[in-house]
Amino acid sequence: MIIITGVTGHVGRALAARLVAEGQAVRGLTRDPARVELPAGVEPVRADFPRSGGPAELEQLFAGATKLFLNLAGVGNATEDVLAAAERAGVRRVVMLSSGAILDEDAEQQSAIAAWHLAAERAVRATAAEWVMLRPNAFATNSLHYAPQIRAGDLVRAPHGDAVMAPIHEDDIAAVAACALLDDGHHGRVYRLTGPAAITTAEQVEAIGAALGRSLRFTEITAREAAAELYADMPQGIVEAMLGAFAASVGTRPEITTTVRDVTGVPARTFGQWAADHVADFR
């Protein structure tokens, strides 16, 4: 049995589908199983961290499981309690969705995103018999924040049009996670994950337009405007760190790795391919 936290997220859902296709028993932890649609074959179980009860109740969530995909978005601030319960229940392998924002594990100063993930990484290393860290940089799914504007018209307002990144398809992250969960030989590895090519924010909008068969226009707005218009539903510290990373990437060359291909044998998909896969999300 494999447990997935954050199973309703983009990576969690893609991973669940891959594991079920491989014939694996999968349990997805979610706040409200009755309101979510998961891939057929996934066992949905209610888990509202950190309000999921005491140690015994937490441990029951992991009964029969030996492997865990840990997405912090699915556990909030209950990471240590979740890991302890998983260990008591017999979970030995933990694959954690971390962050490429972690550049130096020993540095005292970290961004809010890096610090949050680094603390969880340390808890995983201290608890799990086997562990693998996945550190993706920019997610292609961040561009879904533009969807309401694109549905309403042809103008996309966003910050830092010249910011350069190599966004990764969520299913490519899931593919690496599936290998790390199912195959031996990954223990102790830290995988930095990126897409295969550099692309600016403005070029991402152009690629989405091409996938839709439309000509989209990009106009730059300030970080303050973006925080209010695009990312108002996200924690302020995370938004500030993300916008800071966008600003810092202007005029730079992004990190590009071959990890997806090296681990899975299949090259990472381009942003254009991601856009084609998500046409329905922008209509």
C-alpha atoms as a PDB file:
ATOM      1  CA  MET A   1       0.000   0.000   0.000  1.00  0.00           C
ATOM      2  CA  ILE A   2       1.222   3.474  -0.935  1.00  0.00           C
ATOM      3  CA  ILE A   3      -0.119   6.567   0.813  1.00  0.00           C
ATOM      4  CA  ILE A   4      -0.345   9.903  -1.002  1.00  0.00           C
ATOM      5  CA  THR A   5      -0.807  13.141   0.913  1.00  0.00           C
ATOM      6  CA  GLY A   6      -1.965  16.061  -1.193  1.00  0.00           C
ATOM      7  CA  VAL A   7      -3.644  13.556  -3.515  1.00  0.00           C
ATOM      8  CA  THR A   8      -6.029  16.179  -4.920  1.00  0.00           C
ATOM      9  CA  GLY A   9      -3.160  18.394  -6.083  1.00  0.00           C
ATOM     10  CA  HIS A  10      -1.760  18.320  -9.591  1.00  0.00           C
ATOM     11  CA  VAL A  11       1.238  16.116  -8.763  1.00  0.00           C
ATOM     12  CA  GLY A  12      -0.659  13.886  -6.336  1.00  0.00           C
ATOM     13  CA  ARG A  13      -3.444  13.161  -8.800  1.00  0.00           C
ATOM     14  CA  ALA A  14      -0.981  12.393 -11.617  1.00  0.00           C
ATOM     15  CA  LEU A  15       1.043  10.146  -9.312  1.00  0.00           C
ATOM     16  CA  ALA A  16      -2.055   8.278  -8.129  1.00  0.00           C
ATOM     17  CA  ALA A  17      -3.043   7.554 -11.725  1.00  0.00           C
ATOM     18  CA  ARG A  18       0.438   6.256 -12.523  1.00  0.00           C
ATOM     19  CA  LEU A  19       0.588   4.000  -9.461  1.00  0.00           C
ATOM     20  CA  VAL A  20      -2.862   2.536 -10.059  1.00  0.00           C
ATOM     21  CA  ALA A  21      -1.869   1.820 -13.671  1.00  0.00           C
ATOM     22  CA  GLU A  22       1.082  -0.143 -12.258  1.00  0.00           C
ATOM     23  CA  GLY A  23      -1.297  -2.267 -10.197  1.00  0.00           C
ATOM     24  CA  GLN A  24      -0.411  -0.650  -6.875  1.00  0.00           C
ATOM     25  CA  ALA A  25      -2.802  -0.261  -3.955  1.00  0.00           C
ATOM     26  CA  VAL A  26      -3.097   3.476  -3.327  1.00  0.00           C
ATOM     27  CA  ARG A  27      -4.712   5.366  -0.457  1.00  0.00           C
ATOM     28  CA  GLY A  28      -5.228   9.084  -0.962  1.00  0.00           C
ATOM     29  CA  LEU A  29      -5.538  11.282   2.118  1.00  0.00           C
ATOM     30  CA  THR A  30      -7.874  14.228   1.662  1.00  0.00           C
ATOM     31  CA  ARG A  31      -9.908  16.607   3.810  1.00  0.00           C
ATOM     32  CA  ASP A  32     -13.229  15.730   2.171  1.00  0.00           C
ATOM     33  CA  PRO A  33     -13.350  12.393   0.290  1.00  0.00           C
ATOM     34  CA  ALA A  34     -17.004  12.892  -0.635  1.00  0.00           C
ATOM     35  CA  ARG A  35     -16.257  16.013  -2.672  1.00  0.00           C
ATOM     36  CA  VAL A  36     -13.220  14.918  -4.687  1.00  0.00           C
ATOM     37  CA  GLU A  37     -12.863  12.827  -7.811  1.00  0.00           C
ATOM     38  CA  LEU A  38      -9.762  10.652  -7.741  1.00  0.00           C
ATOM     39  CA  PRO A  39      -8.448   8.226 -10.343  1.00  0.00           C
ATOM     40  CA  ALA A  40     -10.356   4.938 -10.310  1.00  0.00           C
ATOM     41  CA  GLY A  41      -8.775   2.480  -7.911  1.00  0.00           C
ATOM     42  CA  VAL A  42      -7.591   5.037  -5.356  1.00  0.00           C
ATOM     43  CA  GLU A  43      -8.947   4.575  -1.832  1.00  0.00           C
ATOM     44  CA  PRO A  44      -9.964   8.027  -0.523  1.00  0.00           C
ATOM     45  CA  VAL A  45      -9.582   8.483   3.246  1.00  0.00           C
ATOM     46  CA  ARG A  46     -10.451  11.564   5.267  1.00  0.00           C
ATOM     47  CA  ALA A  47      -7.458  13.258   6.882  1.00  0.00           C
ATOM     48  CA  ASP A  48      -7.748  16.871   7.992  1.00  0.00           C
ATOM     49  CA  PHE A  49      -4.292  17.638   9.328  1.00  0.00           C
ATOM     50  CA  PRO A  50      -3.479  18.757  11.948  1.00  0.00           C
ATOM     51  CA  ARG A  51      -6.994  18.046  13.293  1.00  0.00           C
ATOM     52  CA  SER A  52      -6.929  14.323  12.571  1.00  0.00           C
ATOM     53  CA  GLY A  53      -6.930  13.148  16.181  1.00  0.00           C
ATOM     54  CA  GLY A  54      -4.297  11.679  18.475  1.00  0.00           C
ATOM     55  CA  PRO A  55      -1.382   9.342  17.671  1.00  0.00           C
ATOM     56  CA  ALA A  56      -3.537   6.214  17.434  1.00  0.00           C
ATOM     57  CA  GLU A  57      -5.965   7.808  14.986  1.00  0.00           C
ATOM     58  CA  LEU A  58      -3.119   9.198  12.912  1.00  0.00           C
ATOM     59  CA  GLU A  59      -1.412   5.804  12.830  1.00  0.00           C
ATOM     60  CA  GLN A  60      -4.598   4.179  11.535  1.00  0.00           C
ATOM     61  CA  LEU A  61      -4.397   6.322   8.406  1.00  0.00           C
ATOM     62  CA  PHE A  62      -1.232   4.467   7.452  1.00  0.00           C
ATOM     63  CA  ALA A  63      -2.333   0.948   8.404  1.00  0.00           C
ATOM     64  CA  GLY A  64      -1.039  -1.591   5.910  1.00  0.00           C
ATOM     65  CA  ALA A  65       1.161   0.918   4.089  1.00  0.00           C
ATOM     66  CA  THR A  66       4.900   0.640   3.507  1.00  0.00           C
ATOM     67  CA  LYS A  67       5.478   3.727   1.350  1.00  0.00           C
ATOM     68  CA  LEU A  68       4.474   7.386   1.559  1.00  0.00           C
ATOM     69  CA  PHE A  69       4.468  10.270  -0.895  1.00  0.00           C
ATOM     70  CA  LEU A  70       4.690  13.359   1.274  1.00  0.00           C
ATOM     71  CA  ASN A  71       3.380  16.637  -0.091  1.00  0.00           C
ATOM     72  CA  LEU A  72       3.496  19.358   2.554  1.00  0.00           C
ATOM     73  CA  ALA A  73       0.431  21.001   1.044  1.00  0.00           C
ATOM     74  CA  GLY A  74      -1.508  17.990   2.277  1.00  0.00           C
ATOM     75  CA  VAL A  75      -0.269  17.971   5.879  1.00  0.00           C
ATOM     76  CA  GLY A  76       0.176  21.618   6.818  1.00  0.00           C
ATOM     77  CA  ASN A  77       2.218  22.005   9.988  1.00  0.00           C
ATOM     78  CA  ALA A  78       1.676  18.395  11.091  1.00  0.00           C
ATOM     79  CA  THR A  79       4.691  16.957   9.253  1.00  0.00           C
ATOM     80  CA  GLU A  80       6.488  15.531  12.280  1.00  0.00           C
ATOM     81  CA  ASP A  81       3.316  13.954  13.699  1.00  0.00           C
ATOM     82  CA  VAL A  82       2.488  12.456  10.306  1.00  0.00           C
ATOM     83  CA  LEU A  83       5.960  11.003   9.890  1.00  0.00           C
ATOM     84  CA  ALA A  84       5.959   9.543  13.394  1.00  0.00           C
ATOM     85  CA  ALA A  85       2.565   7.917  12.828  1.00  0.00           C
ATOM     86  CA  ALA A  86       3.652   6.551   9.456  1.00  0.00           C
ATOM     87  CA  GLU A  87       6.794   5.050  10.962  1.00  0.00           C
ATOM     88  CA  ARG A  88       4.833   3.366  13.770  1.00  0.00           C
ATOM     89  CA  ALA A  89       2.423   1.925  11.215  1.00  0.00           C
ATOM     90  CA  GLY A  90       5.260   0.346   9.229  1.00  0.00           C
ATOM     91  CA  VAL A  91       5.984   2.889   6.481  1.00  0.00           C
ATOM     92  CA  ARG A  92       9.630   2.532   5.516  1.00  0.00           C
ATOM     93  CA  ARG A  93      10.042   4.565   2.326  1.00  0.00           C
ATOM     94  CA  VAL A  94       9.159   8.264   2.084  1.00  0.00           C
ATOM     95  CA  VAL A  95       9.367  10.227  -1.159  1.00  0.00           C
ATOM     96  CA  MET A  96       8.961  13.903  -0.392  1.00  0.00           C
ATOM     97  CA  LEU A  97       7.884  16.644  -2.768  1.00  0.00           C
ATOM     98  CA  SER A  98      10.298  19.355  -1.656  1.00  0.00           C
ATOM     99  CA  SER A  99      11.434  22.524  -3.424  1.00  0.00           C
ATOM    100  CA  GLY A 100      14.201  23.630  -5.742  1.00  0.00           C
ATOM    101  CA  ALA A 101      14.327  26.821  -3.679  1.00  0.00           C
ATOM    102  CA  ILE A 102      16.671  24.904  -1.381  1.00  0.00           C
ATOM    103  CA  LEU A 103      20.089  25.736  -2.794  1.00  0.00           C
ATOM    104  CA  ASP A 104      22.281  25.308   0.280  1.00  0.00           C
ATOM    105  CA  GLU A 105      21.125  22.994   3.068  1.00  0.00           C
ATOM    106  CA  ASP A 106      23.619  24.490   5.504  1.00  0.00           C
ATOM    107  CA  ALA A 107      22.803  28.153   4.858  1.00  0.00           C
ATOM    108  CA  GLU A 108      21.288  30.000   7.797  1.00  0.00           C
ATOM    109  CA  GLN A 109      19.258  32.361   5.614  1.00  0.00           C
ATOM    110  CA  GLN A 110      16.570  30.691   3.526  1.00  0.00           C
ATOM    111  CA  SER A 111      13.528  31.982   1.699  1.00  0.00           C
ATOM    112  CA  ALA A 112      10.184  31.170   3.298  1.00  0.00           C
ATOM    113  CA  ILE A 113       9.614  28.412   0.755  1.00  0.00           C
ATOM    114  CA  ALA A 114      13.068  26.907   1.223  1.00  0.00           C
ATOM    115  CA  ALA A 115      12.977  27.092   5.012  1.00  0.00           C
ATOM    116  CA  TRP A 116       9.593  25.354   5.199  1.00  0.00           C
ATOM    117  CA  HIS A 117      10.666  22.501   2.950  1.00  0.00           C
ATOM    118  CA  LEU A 118      14.121  22.174   4.467  1.00  0.00           C
ATOM    119  CA  ALA A 119      12.667  21.702   7.958  1.00  0.00           C
ATOM    120  CA  ALA A 120      10.424  18.951   6.617  1.00  0.00           C
ATOM    121  CA  GLU A 121      13.311  17.328   4.733  1.00  0.00           C
ATOM    122  CA  ARG A 122      15.271  17.111   7.964  1.00  0.00           C
ATOM    123  CA  ALA A 123      12.311  15.488   9.711  1.00  0.00           C
ATOM    124  CA  VAL A 124      12.041  12.916   6.910  1.00  0.00           C
ATOM    125  CA  ARG A 125      15.751  12.091   7.045  1.00  0.00           C
ATOM    126  CA  ALA A 126      15.532  11.633  10.813  1.00  0.00           C
ATOM    127  CA  THR A 127      12.484   9.376  10.642  1.00  0.00           C
ATOM    128  CA  ALA A 128      12.313   7.321   7.447  1.00  0.00           C
ATOM    129  CA  ALA A 129      14.343   4.169   6.886  1.00  0.00           C
ATOM    130  CA  GLU A 130      14.482   5.074   3.190  1.00  0.00           C
ATOM    131  CA  TRP A 131      13.954   8.532   1.732  1.00  0.00           C
ATOM    132  CA  VAL A 132      14.097  10.420  -1.548  1.00  0.00           C
ATOM    133  CA  MET A 133      13.803  14.186  -1.990  1.00  0.00           C
ATOM    134  CA  LEU A 134      12.275  15.694  -5.123  1.00  0.00           C
ATOM    135  CA  ARG A 135      13.213  19.337  -5.599  1.00  0.00           C
ATOM    136  CA  PRO A 136      11.365  20.822  -8.568  1.00  0.00           C
ATOM    137  CA  ASN A 137      11.993  24.407  -9.552  1.00  0.00           C
ATOM    138  CA  ALA A 138       9.211  26.300 -11.349  1.00  0.00           C
ATOM    139  CA  PHE A 139       5.955  24.394 -11.811  1.00  0.00           C
ATOM    140  CA  ALA A 140       4.263  24.764 -15.188  1.00  0.00           C
ATOM    141  CA  THR A 141       0.962  24.674 -13.289  1.00  0.00           C
ATOM    142  CA  ASN A 142       1.759  28.119 -11.842  1.00  0.00           C
ATOM    143  CA  SER A 143       0.501  29.442 -15.169  1.00  0.00           C
ATOM    144  CA  LEU A 144      -3.002  28.264 -14.272  1.00  0.00           C
ATOM    145  CA  HIS A 145      -3.226  31.500 -12.282  1.00  0.00           C
ATOM    146  CA  TYR A 146      -3.709  33.190 -15.663  1.00  0.00           C
ATOM    147  CA  ALA A 147      -6.738  31.056 -16.534  1.00  0.00           C
ATOM    148  CA  PRO A 148      -9.469  33.472 -15.348  1.00  0.00           C
ATOM    149  CA  GLN A 149      -7.979  36.282 -17.448  1.00  0.00           C
ATOM    150  CA  ILE A 150      -7.637  34.042 -20.500  1.00  0.00           C
ATOM    151  CA  ARG A 151     -11.219  32.857 -20.206  1.00  0.00           C
ATOM    152  CA  ALA A 152     -12.338  36.487 -20.028  1.00  0.00           C
ATOM    153  CA  GLY A 153     -10.287  37.864 -22.912  1.00  0.00           C
ATOM    154  CA  ASP A 154      -6.959  37.991 -24.725  1.00  0.00           C
ATOM    155  CA  LEU A 155      -4.993  40.128 -22.252  1.00  0.00           C
ATOM    156  CA  VAL A 156      -2.868  38.562 -19.498  1.00  0.00           C
ATOM    157  CA  ARG A 157      -1.586  40.824 -16.731  1.00  0.00           C
ATOM    158  CA  ALA A 158       1.366  39.346 -14.837  1.00  0.00           C
ATOM    159  CA  PRO A 159       4.664  40.432 -13.267  1.00  0.00           C
ATOM    160  CA  HIS A 160       8.177  40.081 -14.631  1.00  0.00           C
ATOM    161  CA  GLY A 161       7.528  39.255 -18.265  1.00  0.00           C
ATOM    162  CA  ASP A 162      11.262  38.746 -18.803  1.00  0.00           C
ATOM    163  CA  ALA A 163      11.641  36.324 -15.886  1.00  0.00           C
ATOM    164  CA  VAL A 164      13.313  33.184 -17.221  1.00  0.00           C
ATOM    165  CA  MET A 165      12.595  29.701 -15.918  1.00  0.00           C
ATOM    166  CA  ALA A 166      12.394  26.066 -17.027  1.00  0.00           C
ATOM    167  CA  PRO A 167       8.952  25.025 -15.784  1.00  0.00           C
ATOM    168  CA  ILE A 168       8.268  21.348 -15.259  1.00  0.00           C
ATOM    169  CA  HIS A 169       5.128  19.398 -16.153  1.00  0.00           C
ATOM    170  CA  GLU A 170       3.435  17.996 -13.037  1.00  0.00           C
ATOM    171  CA  ASP A 171       3.226  14.544 -14.632  1.00  0.00           C
ATOM    172  CA  ASP A 172       7.004  14.528 -15.117  1.00  0.00           C
ATOM    173  CA  ILE A 173       7.364  15.079 -11.363  1.00  0.00           C
ATOM    174  CA  ALA A 174       4.875  12.259 -10.826  1.00  0.00           C
ATOM    175  CA  ALA A 175       6.859   9.989 -13.142  1.00  0.00           C
ATOM    176  CA  VAL A 176      10.032  10.486 -11.104  1.00  0.00           C
ATOM    177  CA  ALA A 177       8.082  10.027  -7.861  1.00  0.00           C
ATOM    178  CA  ALA A 178       6.624   6.751  -9.138  1.00  0.00           C
ATOM    179  CA  CYS A 179      10.100   5.434  -9.944  1.00  0.00           C
ATOM    180  CA  ALA A 180      11.379   6.476  -6.517  1.00  0.00           C
ATOM    181  CA  LEU A 181       8.449   4.744  -4.803  1.00  0.00           C
ATOM    182  CA  LEU A 182       8.448   1.541  -6.831  1.00  0.00           C
ATOM    183  CA  ASP A 183      12.093   0.919  -7.697  1.00  0.00           C
ATOM    184  CA  ASP A 184      15.064   0.279  -5.451  1.00  0.00           C
ATOM    185  CA  GLY A 185      18.302   2.233  -5.665  1.00  0.00           C
ATOM    186  CA  HIS A 186      16.920   5.717  -4.981  1.00  0.00           C
ATOM    187  CA  HIS A 187      17.417   5.899  -1.215  1.00  0.00           C
ATOM    188  CA  GLY A 188      19.322   8.993  -0.148  1.00  0.00           C
ATOM    189  CA  ARG A 189      19.004  10.721  -3.508  1.00  0.00           C
ATOM    190  CA  VAL A 190      18.075  14.369  -3.941  1.00  0.00           C
ATOM    191  CA  TYR A 191      16.586  14.935  -7.381  1.00  0.00           C
ATOM    192  CA  ARG A 192      16.489  18.456  -8.765  1.00  0.00           C
ATOM    193  CA  LEU A 193      13.739  18.604 -11.377  1.00  0.00           C
ATOM    194  CA  THR A 194      13.187  21.096 -14.203  1.00  0.00           C
ATOM    195  CA  GLY A 195      11.661  21.278 -17.618  1.00  0.00           C
ATOM    196  CA  PRO A 196      13.929  20.841 -20.657  1.00  0.00           C
ATOM    197  CA  ALA A 197      14.180  24.442 -21.858  1.00  0.00           C
ATOM    198  CA  ALA A 198      14.218  28.054 -20.739  1.00  0.00           C
ATOM    199  CA  ILE A 199      11.161  30.203 -21.341  1.00  0.00           C
ATOM    200  CA  THR A 200      10.103  33.673 -20.163  1.00  0.00           C
ATOM    201  CA  THR A 201       6.814  34.552 -18.507  1.00  0.00           C
ATOM    202  CA  ALA A 202       5.662  36.379 -21.626  1.00  0.00           C
ATOM    203  CA  GLU A 203       6.623  33.396 -23.790  1.00  0.00           C
ATOM    204  CA  GLN A 204       4.585  31.104 -21.565  1.00  0.00           C
ATOM    205  CA  VAL A 205       1.522  33.234 -22.258  1.00  0.00           C
ATOM    206  CA  GLU A 206       2.301  33.052 -25.983  1.00  0.00           C
ATOM    207  CA  ALA A 207       2.595  29.244 -25.778  1.00  0.00           C
ATOM    208  CA  ILE A 208      -0.752  28.971 -24.008  1.00  0.00           C
ATOM    209  CA  GLY A 209      -2.289  31.101 -26.744  1.00  0.00           C
ATOM    210  CA  ALA A 210      -0.783  28.854 -29.416  1.00  0.00           C
ATOM    211  CA  ALA A 211      -2.262  25.768 -27.729  1.00  0.00           C
ATOM    212  CA  LEU A 212      -5.656  27.497 -27.661  1.00  0.00           C
ATOM    213  CA  GLY A 213      -5.384  28.753 -31.215  1.00  0.00           C
ATOM    214  CA  ARG A 214      -5.564  32.338 -29.985  1.00  0.00           C
ATOM    215  CA  SER A 215      -3.266  35.348 -29.959  1.00  0.00           C
ATOM    216  CA  LEU A 216      -2.837  36.384 -26.337  1.00  0.00           C
ATOM    217  CA  ARG A 217      -1.302  39.703 -25.300  1.00  0.00           C
ATOM    218  CA  PHE A 218       0.913  40.158 -22.265  1.00  0.00           C
ATOM    219  CA  THR A 219       1.201  43.279 -20.153  1.00  0.00           C
ATOM    220  CA  GLU A 220       3.468  43.634 -17.162  1.00  0.00           C
ATOM    221  CA  ILE A 221       2.197  44.631 -13.741  1.00  0.00           C
ATOM    222  CA  THR A 222       3.985  45.283 -10.455  1.00  0.00           C
ATOM    223  CA  ALA A 223       4.648  42.606  -7.870  1.00  0.00           C
ATOM    224  CA  ARG A 224       2.193  44.321  -5.518  1.00  0.00           C
ATOM    225  CA  GLU A 225      -0.537  44.216  -8.170  1.00  0.00           C
ATOM    226  CA  ALA A 226       0.241  40.571  -8.880  1.00  0.00           C
ATOM    227  CA  ALA A 227      -0.008  39.643  -5.211  1.00  0.00           C
ATOM    228  CA  ALA A 228      -3.480  41.167  -5.074  1.00  0.00           C
ATOM    229  CA  GLU A 229      -4.772  40.047  -8.464  1.00  0.00           C
ATOM    230  CA  LEU A 230      -3.169  36.652  -9.106  1.00  0.00           C
ATOM    231  CA  TYR A 231      -2.048  35.177  -5.808  1.00  0.00           C
ATOM    232  CA  ALA A 232      -4.473  36.552  -3.234  1.00  0.00           C
ATOM    233  CA  ASP A 233      -5.406  33.013  -2.139  1.00  0.00           C
ATOM    234  CA  MET A 234      -1.813  32.066  -1.256  1.00  0.00           C
ATOM    235  CA  PRO A 235       0.071  32.723   2.026  1.00  0.00           C
ATOM    236  CA  GLN A 236       1.791  36.096   1.938  1.00  0.00           C
ATOM    237  CA  GLY A 237       5.236  34.710   2.781  1.00  0.00           C
ATOM    238  CA  ILE A 238       5.045  32.178  -0.047  1.00  0.00           C
ATOM    239  CA  VAL A 239       3.871  34.831  -2.514  1.00  0.00           C
ATOM    240  CA  GLU A 240       6.693  37.176  -1.545  1.00  0.00           C
ATOM    241  CA  ALA A 241       9.275  34.419  -1.946  1.00  0.00           C
ATOM    242  CA  MET A 242       7.845  33.355  -5.298  1.00  0.00           C
ATOM    243  CA  LEU A 243       7.707  36.892  -6.686  1.00  0.00           C
ATOM    244  CA  GLY A 244      11.218  37.495  -5.401  1.00  0.00           C
ATOM    245  CA  ALA A 245      12.413  34.419  -7.280  1.00  0.00           C
ATOM    246  CA  PHE A 246      10.711  35.657 -10.458  1.00  0.00           C
ATOM    247  CA  ALA A 247      12.429  39.043 -10.135  1.00  0.00           C
ATOM    248  CA  ALA A 248      15.810  37.437  -9.488  1.00  0.00           C
ATOM    249  CA  SER A 249      15.513  35.290 -12.613  1.00  0.00           C
ATOM    250  CA  VAL A 250      15.243  38.236 -15.018  1.00  0.00           C
ATOM    251  CA  GLY A 251      18.280  38.221 -17.294  1.00  0.00           C
ATOM    252  CA  THR A 252      19.632  34.939 -15.961  1.00  0.00           C
ATOM    253  CA  ARG A 253      19.948  31.395 -17.248  1.00  0.00           C
ATOM    254  CA  PRO A 254      17.731  28.990 -15.306  1.00  0.00           C
ATOM    255  CA  GLU A 255      18.928  25.697 -13.959  1.00  0.00           C
ATOM    256  CA  ILE A 256      18.091  22.935 -16.435  1.00  0.00           C
ATOM    257  CA  THR A 257      18.542  19.312 -15.401  1.00  0.00           C
ATOM    258  CA  THR A 258      18.166  15.996 -17.221  1.00  0.00           C
ATOM    259  CA  THR A 259      16.888  14.262 -14.097  1.00  0.00           C
ATOM    260  CA  VAL A 260      13.485  13.331 -15.524  1.00  0.00           C
ATOM    261  CA  ARG A 261      15.112  11.536 -18.439  1.00  0.00           C
ATOM    262  CA  ASP A 262      17.866  10.054 -16.283  1.00  0.00           C
ATOM    263  CA  VAL A 263      15.406   8.535 -13.801  1.00  0.00           C
ATOM    264  CA  THR A 264      12.478   7.602 -16.048  1.00  0.00           C
ATOM    265  CA  GLY A 265      14.116   7.105 -19.433  1.00  0.00           C
ATOM    266  CA  VAL A 266      11.707   9.648 -20.974  1.00  0.00           C
ATOM    267  CA  PRO A 267      12.673  13.304 -21.572  1.00  0.00           C
ATOM    268  CA  ALA A 268      10.856  16.035 -19.677  1.00  0.00           C
ATOM    269  CA  ARG A 269       8.048  17.702 -21.620  1.00  0.00           C
ATOM    270  CA  THR A 270       8.286  21.269 -22.878  1.00  0.00           C
ATOM    271  CA  PHE A 271       6.039  24.065 -21.667  1.00  0.00           C
ATOM    272  CA  GLY A 272       4.289  23.970 -25.036  1.00  0.00           C
ATOM    273  CA  GLN A 273       3.424  20.320 -24.450  1.00  0.00           C
ATOM    274  CA  TRP A 274       2.143  21.202 -20.983  1.00  0.00           C
ATOM    275  CA  ALA A 275      -0.062  23.935 -22.444  1.00  0.00           C
ATOM    276  CA  ALA A 276      -1.481  21.494 -25.001  1.00  0.00           C
ATOM    277  CA  ASP A 277      -2.282  19.063 -22.175  1.00  0.00           C
ATOM    278  CA  HIS A 278      -4.142  21.798 -20.259  1.00  0.00           C
ATOM    279  CA  VAL A 279      -6.179  23.467 -22.982  1.00  0.00           C
ATOM    280  CA  ALA A 280      -9.407  22.594 -21.143  1.00  0.00           C
ATOM    281  CA  ASP A 281      -8.238  24.493 -18.062  1.00  0.00           C
ATOM    282  CA  PHE A 282      -8.063  27.756 -20.010  1.00  0.00           C
ATOM    283  CA  ARG A 283     -11.429  27.477 -21.748  1.00  0.00           C
END
